[in-house]
Amino acid sequence: MKKILIVDDSAFTRGIHKQILEKEGYETVEAASGAEALEKFEKENPDLVIMDLLMPDMDGMEVIKKILEKHPDARTVICSTDKQKARQKEAREIGVIEFLTKPVGAEAMNKALKKILVED
């Protein structure tokens, strides 16, 4: 079973994503901040990270950069309300695989994740 780390400062959003993912058979781990995300990534070794950009302690892009510095093969997806093309371009340049815009529905999320998490 693939494990996904959901990082968002909104408990409501984490809950929605968790519900979508677990219904599809994924195991989920949650983090409410950038610092917690870095800690959980090291502890849980997830197959994928779904990251919000706007968080109180650390920008999601900064968290992803830190993860990818230590784990260049880590798979990351941004899920944010930020629709700026420049942010999406920056995300792809640092190694983000997919950029989903909130609110993201179950169908769009599952389609993106199935493309990324092809069974080994």
N, C-alpha and C. Protein backbone atom coordinates (compact mmCIF):
# COMPACT_ATOMS: atom_id res chain seq x y z
N MET A 1 0.85 -1.18 0.00
CA MET A 1 0.00 0.00 0.00
C MET A 1 0.89 1.25 0.00
N LYS A 2 0.59 2.18 -0.87
CA LYS A 2 1.35 3.42 -0.98
C LYS A 2 0.97 4.37 0.15
N LYS A 3 1.99 5.04 0.69
CA LYS A 3 1.79 5.98 1.80
C LYS A 3 1.96 7.41 1.29
N ILE A 4 0.99 8.27 1.66
CA ILE A 4 1.01 9.66 1.22
C ILE A 4 1.00 10.58 2.43
N LEU A 5 1.93 11.54 2.43
CA LEU A 5 1.99 12.56 3.46
C LEU A 5 1.20 13.77 2.98
N ILE A 6 0.16 14.14 3.74
CA ILE A 6 -0.69 15.29 3.41
C ILE A 6 -0.24 16.45 4.30
N VAL A 7 0.19 17.54 3.69
CA VAL A 7 0.67 18.70 4.45
C VAL A 7 -0.20 19.91 4.13
N ASP A 8 -0.94 20.37 5.15
CA ASP A 8 -1.80 21.54 5.00
C ASP A 8 -2.09 22.06 6.39
N ASP A 9 -2.09 23.38 6.57
CA ASP A 9 -2.37 23.93 7.89
C ASP A 9 -3.86 23.88 8.23
N SER A 10 -4.69 23.58 7.25
CA SER A 10 -6.13 23.46 7.48
C SER A 10 -6.51 22.01 7.77
N ALA A 11 -7.01 21.78 8.98
CA ALA A 11 -7.45 20.43 9.36
C ALA A 11 -8.59 19.97 8.45
N PHE A 12 -9.45 20.91 8.06
CA PHE A 12 -10.57 20.59 7.17
C PHE A 12 -10.05 20.05 5.83
N THR A 13 -9.09 20.76 5.24
CA THR A 13 -8.53 20.33 3.96
C THR A 13 -7.81 18.99 4.09
N ARG A 14 -7.03 18.82 5.15
CA ARG A 14 -6.36 17.54 5.37
C ARG A 14 -7.39 16.41 5.46
N GLY A 15 -8.49 16.68 6.14
CA GLY A 15 -9.54 15.67 6.29
C GLY A 15 -10.16 15.28 4.96
N ILE A 16 -10.41 16.25 4.11
CA ILE A 16 -10.98 15.97 2.78
C ILE A 16 -10.00 15.13 1.96
N HIS A 17 -8.73 15.55 1.95
CA HIS A 17 -7.73 14.81 1.17
C HIS A 17 -7.57 13.39 1.72
N LYS A 18 -7.55 13.27 3.04
CA LYS A 18 -7.42 11.95 3.68
C LYS A 18 -8.57 11.03 3.25
N GLN A 19 -9.77 11.58 3.28
CA GLN A 19 -10.95 10.79 2.90
C GLN A 19 -10.86 10.32 1.44
N ILE A 20 -10.47 11.22 0.54
CA ILE A 20 -10.33 10.86 -0.88
C ILE A 20 -9.28 9.77 -1.05
N LEU A 21 -8.13 9.95 -0.40
CA LEU A 21 -7.01 9.03 -0.59
C LEU A 21 -7.26 7.67 0.04
N GLU A 22 -7.81 7.65 1.24
CA GLU A 22 -8.05 6.37 1.90
C GLU A 22 -9.14 5.57 1.20
N LYS A 23 -10.09 6.26 0.59
CA LYS A 23 -11.12 5.56 -0.19
C LYS A 23 -10.51 4.83 -1.38
N GLU A 24 -9.38 5.37 -1.89
CA GLU A 24 -8.68 4.74 -3.01
C GLU A 24 -7.65 3.71 -2.55
N GLY A 25 -7.55 3.51 -1.24
CA GLY A 25 -6.66 2.48 -0.72
C GLY A 25 -5.26 2.94 -0.32
N TYR A 26 -5.05 4.25 -0.29
CA TYR A 26 -3.75 4.76 0.14
C TYR A 26 -3.71 4.88 1.66
N GLU A 27 -2.53 4.70 2.23
CA GLU A 27 -2.30 4.98 3.65
C GLU A 27 -1.93 6.46 3.73
N THR A 28 -2.42 7.17 4.74
CA THR A 28 -2.12 8.59 4.84
C THR A 28 -1.45 8.94 6.17
N VAL A 29 -0.62 9.97 6.12
CA VAL A 29 0.01 10.57 7.28
C VAL A 29 -0.22 12.06 7.11
N GLU A 30 -0.48 12.76 8.21
CA GLU A 30 -0.78 14.19 8.12
C GLU A 30 0.24 15.05 8.84
N ALA A 31 0.45 16.26 8.32
CA ALA A 31 1.27 17.27 8.97
C ALA A 31 0.58 18.62 8.80
N ALA A 32 0.61 19.44 9.86
CA ALA A 32 -0.08 20.73 9.84
C ALA A 32 0.86 21.91 9.61
N SER A 33 2.16 21.64 9.49
CA SER A 33 3.12 22.73 9.29
C SER A 33 4.31 22.21 8.50
N GLY A 34 5.13 23.13 8.04
CA GLY A 34 6.33 22.75 7.31
C GLY A 34 7.29 21.96 8.17
N ALA A 35 7.51 22.43 9.40
CA ALA A 35 8.43 21.74 10.31
C ALA A 35 7.94 20.32 10.61
N GLU A 36 6.65 20.18 10.85
CA GLU A 36 6.07 18.86 11.11
C GLU A 36 6.20 17.97 9.87
N ALA A 37 6.05 18.57 8.70
CA ALA A 37 6.17 17.80 7.45
C ALA A 37 7.57 17.22 7.30
N LEU A 38 8.58 18.02 7.60
CA LEU A 38 9.97 17.54 7.49
C LEU A 38 10.21 16.39 8.46
N GLU A 39 9.70 16.53 9.66
CA GLU A 39 9.84 15.49 10.69
C GLU A 39 9.13 14.20 10.26
N LYS A 40 7.88 14.34 9.80
CA LYS A 40 7.09 13.17 9.41
C LYS A 40 7.68 12.50 8.17
N PHE A 41 8.23 13.31 7.25
CA PHE A 41 8.83 12.72 6.05
C PHE A 41 9.96 11.78 6.44
N GLU A 42 10.82 12.23 7.34
CA GLU A 42 11.95 11.41 7.78
C GLU A 42 11.49 10.15 8.50
N LYS A 43 10.47 10.30 9.33
CA LYS A 43 9.98 9.18 10.14
C LYS A 43 9.18 8.17 9.32
N GLU A 44 8.33 8.66 8.43
CA GLU A 44 7.37 7.81 7.73
C GLU A 44 7.82 7.34 6.34
N ASN A 45 8.77 8.04 5.73
CA ASN A 45 9.25 7.69 4.40
C ASN A 45 8.10 7.47 3.41
N PRO A 46 7.28 8.49 3.18
CA PRO A 46 6.11 8.33 2.30
C PRO A 46 6.51 8.17 0.83
N ASP A 47 5.60 7.58 0.07
CA ASP A 47 5.80 7.41 -1.37
C ASP A 47 5.53 8.71 -2.13
N LEU A 48 4.76 9.61 -1.49
CA LEU A 48 4.37 10.86 -2.13
C LEU A 48 4.03 11.89 -1.06
N VAL A 49 4.29 13.17 -1.36
CA VAL A 49 3.90 14.27 -0.48
C VAL A 49 2.95 15.18 -1.25
N ILE A 50 1.81 15.48 -0.62
CA ILE A 50 0.88 16.48 -1.17
C ILE A 50 1.03 17.70 -0.27
N MET A 51 1.52 18.81 -0.83
CA MET A 51 1.93 19.98 -0.06
C MET A 51 1.14 21.22 -0.40
N ASP A 52 0.64 21.89 0.63
CA ASP A 52 0.05 23.22 0.48
C ASP A 52 1.19 24.22 0.38
N LEU A 53 0.99 25.35 -0.26
CA LEU A 53 2.05 26.36 -0.35
C LEU A 53 2.02 27.32 0.82
N LEU A 54 0.84 27.79 1.18
CA LEU A 54 0.73 28.84 2.20
C LEU A 54 0.49 28.24 3.58
N MET A 55 1.56 28.28 4.39
CA MET A 55 1.46 27.78 5.76
C MET A 55 2.12 28.79 6.69
N PRO A 56 1.74 28.79 7.96
CA PRO A 56 2.22 29.83 8.86
C PRO A 56 3.72 29.81 9.16
N ASP A 57 4.34 28.66 9.23
CA ASP A 57 5.74 28.61 9.66
C ASP A 57 6.75 28.58 8.52
N MET A 58 6.37 27.98 7.40
CA MET A 58 7.31 27.78 6.31
C MET A 58 6.53 27.61 5.01
N ASP A 59 6.96 28.28 3.97
CA ASP A 59 6.33 28.15 2.67
C ASP A 59 6.49 26.71 2.16
N GLY A 60 5.45 26.18 1.54
CA GLY A 60 5.49 24.82 1.03
C GLY A 60 6.62 24.56 0.04
N MET A 61 6.95 25.56 -0.75
CA MET A 61 8.04 25.43 -1.71
C MET A 61 9.37 25.22 -0.96
N GLU A 62 9.55 25.93 0.13
CA GLU A 62 10.76 25.80 0.95
C GLU A 62 10.85 24.39 1.55
N VAL A 63 9.71 23.86 2.00
CA VAL A 63 9.67 22.51 2.57
C VAL A 63 10.07 21.49 1.50
N ILE A 64 9.51 21.64 0.32
CA ILE A 64 9.82 20.70 -0.77
C ILE A 64 11.30 20.76 -1.13
N LYS A 65 11.85 21.97 -1.19
CA LYS A 65 13.29 22.10 -1.48
C LYS A 65 14.12 21.34 -0.45
N LYS A 66 13.76 21.46 0.82
CA LYS A 66 14.50 20.78 1.88
C LYS A 66 14.37 19.26 1.75
N ILE A 67 13.18 18.79 1.43
CA ILE A 67 12.97 17.35 1.24
C ILE A 67 13.82 16.85 0.08
N LEU A 68 13.75 17.56 -1.05
CA LEU A 68 14.46 17.12 -2.25
C LEU A 68 15.98 17.22 -2.13
N GLU A 69 16.47 18.12 -1.29
CA GLU A 69 17.92 18.20 -1.05
C GLU A 69 18.43 16.89 -0.46
N LYS A 70 17.67 16.35 0.51
CA LYS A 70 18.08 15.11 1.18
C LYS A 70 17.61 13.86 0.45
N HIS A 71 16.49 13.98 -0.26
CA HIS A 71 15.87 12.83 -0.92
C HIS A 71 15.50 13.23 -2.35
N PRO A 72 16.46 13.26 -3.26
CA PRO A 72 16.19 13.74 -4.62
C PRO A 72 15.14 12.94 -5.39
N ASP A 73 14.87 11.71 -4.96
CA ASP A 73 13.88 10.89 -5.65
C ASP A 73 12.47 11.04 -5.06
N ALA A 74 12.33 11.87 -4.04
CA ALA A 74 11.02 12.07 -3.42
C ALA A 74 10.03 12.60 -4.45
N ARG A 75 8.81 12.10 -4.37
CA ARG A 75 7.75 12.54 -5.29
C ARG A 75 6.86 13.54 -4.55
N THR A 76 6.70 14.72 -5.16
CA THR A 76 5.94 15.79 -4.51
C THR A 76 4.89 16.37 -5.45
N VAL A 77 3.76 16.72 -4.84
CA VAL A 77 2.65 17.36 -5.54
C VAL A 77 2.25 18.57 -4.71
N ILE A 78 2.02 19.69 -5.36
CA ILE A 78 1.50 20.86 -4.67
C ILE A 78 0.00 20.91 -4.89
N CYS A 79 -0.72 21.21 -3.82
CA CYS A 79 -2.17 21.40 -3.89
C CYS A 79 -2.45 22.73 -3.19
N SER A 80 -2.73 23.76 -3.97
CA SER A 80 -2.81 25.12 -3.43
C SER A 80 -3.89 25.93 -4.13
N THR A 81 -4.30 27.00 -3.47
CA THR A 81 -5.22 27.95 -4.09
C THR A 81 -4.47 28.93 -4.98
N ASP A 82 -3.16 28.95 -4.87
CA ASP A 82 -2.31 29.84 -5.67
C ASP A 82 -2.34 29.38 -7.13
N LYS A 83 -2.88 30.23 -8.00
CA LYS A 83 -3.03 29.85 -9.41
C LYS A 83 -2.01 30.54 -10.32
N GLN A 84 -1.04 31.23 -9.73
CA GLN A 84 -0.08 31.98 -10.52
C GLN A 84 0.80 31.05 -11.36
N LYS A 85 0.88 31.35 -12.63
CA LYS A 85 1.69 30.54 -13.55
C LYS A 85 3.17 30.56 -13.12
N ALA A 86 3.63 31.68 -12.59
CA ALA A 86 5.03 31.79 -12.17
C ALA A 86 5.32 30.81 -11.02
N ARG A 87 4.38 30.66 -10.09
CA ARG A 87 4.56 29.73 -8.98
C ARG A 87 4.57 28.29 -9.49
N GLN A 88 3.70 27.99 -10.44
CA GLN A 88 3.65 26.65 -11.00
C GLN A 88 4.96 26.34 -11.73
N LYS A 89 5.48 27.32 -12.45
CA LYS A 89 6.75 27.14 -13.16
C LYS A 89 7.88 26.92 -12.15
N GLU A 90 7.92 27.73 -11.11
CA GLU A 90 8.94 27.59 -10.06
C GLU A 90 8.87 26.20 -9.42
N ALA A 91 7.66 25.75 -9.16
CA ALA A 91 7.47 24.43 -8.55
C ALA A 91 8.03 23.33 -9.43
N ARG A 92 7.75 23.38 -10.70
CA ARG A 92 8.25 22.35 -11.61
C ARG A 92 9.77 22.41 -11.73
N GLU A 93 10.31 23.62 -11.68
CA GLU A 93 11.77 23.79 -11.78
C GLU A 93 12.50 23.16 -10.59
N ILE A 94 11.87 23.16 -9.41
CA ILE A 94 12.55 22.57 -8.25
C ILE A 94 12.30 21.06 -8.14
N GLY A 95 11.38 20.54 -8.97
CA GLY A 95 11.18 19.10 -8.99
C GLY A 95 9.79 18.61 -8.61
N VAL A 96 8.84 19.53 -8.45
CA VAL A 96 7.46 19.13 -8.16
C VAL A 96 6.88 18.46 -9.40
N ILE A 97 6.21 17.33 -9.19
CA ILE A 97 5.69 16.55 -10.32
C ILE A 97 4.37 17.10 -10.84
N GLU A 98 3.50 17.53 -9.94
CA GLU A 98 2.15 17.96 -10.32
C GLU A 98 1.75 19.16 -9.47
N PHE A 99 0.95 20.05 -10.05
CA PHE A 99 0.45 21.23 -9.34
C PHE A 99 -1.06 21.21 -9.47
N LEU A 100 -1.75 20.89 -8.37
CA LEU A 100 -3.22 20.84 -8.36
C LEU A 100 -3.75 22.11 -7.71
N THR A 101 -4.83 22.64 -8.26
CA THR A 101 -5.43 23.86 -7.73
C THR A 101 -6.65 23.52 -6.88
N LYS A 102 -6.66 24.07 -5.66
CA LYS A 102 -7.79 23.86 -4.75
C LYS A 102 -8.96 24.71 -5.21
N PRO A 103 -10.17 24.26 -4.98
CA PRO A 103 -10.49 22.94 -4.42
C PRO A 103 -10.33 21.87 -5.49
N VAL A 104 -9.68 20.79 -5.12
CA VAL A 104 -9.46 19.70 -6.07
C VAL A 104 -10.44 18.58 -5.75
N GLY A 105 -11.10 18.09 -6.75
CA GLY A 105 -12.06 17.01 -6.55
C GLY A 105 -11.38 15.66 -6.50
N ALA A 106 -12.12 14.68 -6.05
CA ALA A 106 -11.59 13.32 -5.92
C ALA A 106 -11.10 12.78 -7.26
N GLU A 107 -11.87 13.01 -8.32
CA GLU A 107 -11.51 12.47 -9.63
C GLU A 107 -10.18 13.05 -10.12
N ALA A 108 -10.01 14.37 -10.01
CA ALA A 108 -8.77 15.01 -10.47
C ALA A 108 -7.57 14.56 -9.64
N MET A 109 -7.77 14.45 -8.32
CA MET A 109 -6.67 14.03 -7.46
C MET A 109 -6.27 12.59 -7.76
N ASN A 110 -7.25 11.72 -7.86
CA ASN A 110 -6.95 10.31 -8.13
C ASN A 110 -6.28 10.10 -9.48
N LYS A 111 -6.72 10.85 -10.48
CA LYS A 111 -6.13 10.74 -11.82
C LYS A 111 -4.65 11.14 -11.76
N ALA A 112 -4.35 12.24 -11.08
CA ALA A 112 -2.97 12.71 -10.96
C ALA A 112 -2.10 11.71 -10.20
N LEU A 113 -2.63 11.19 -9.09
CA LEU A 113 -1.85 10.28 -8.27
C LEU A 113 -1.60 8.93 -8.95
N LYS A 114 -2.60 8.44 -9.66
CA LYS A 114 -2.42 7.16 -10.36
C LYS A 114 -1.31 7.28 -11.41
N LYS A 115 -1.23 8.44 -12.02
CA LYS A 115 -0.19 8.68 -13.04
C LYS A 115 1.20 8.67 -12.36
N ILE A 116 1.27 9.21 -11.15
CA ILE A 116 2.55 9.32 -10.44
C ILE A 116 2.92 8.03 -9.73
N LEU A 117 1.95 7.43 -9.08
CA LEU A 117 2.22 6.25 -8.24
C LEU A 117 1.92 4.94 -8.96
N VAL A 118 2.54 4.77 -10.09
CA VAL A 118 2.39 3.51 -10.82
C VAL A 118 2.98 2.42 -9.93
N GLU A 119 2.23 1.37 -9.76
CA GLU A 119 2.69 0.27 -8.88
C GLU A 119 4.02 -0.27 -9.37
N ASP A 120 4.93 -0.44 -8.43
CA ASP A 120 6.27 -0.96 -8.75
C ASP A 120 6.21 -2.44 -9.10
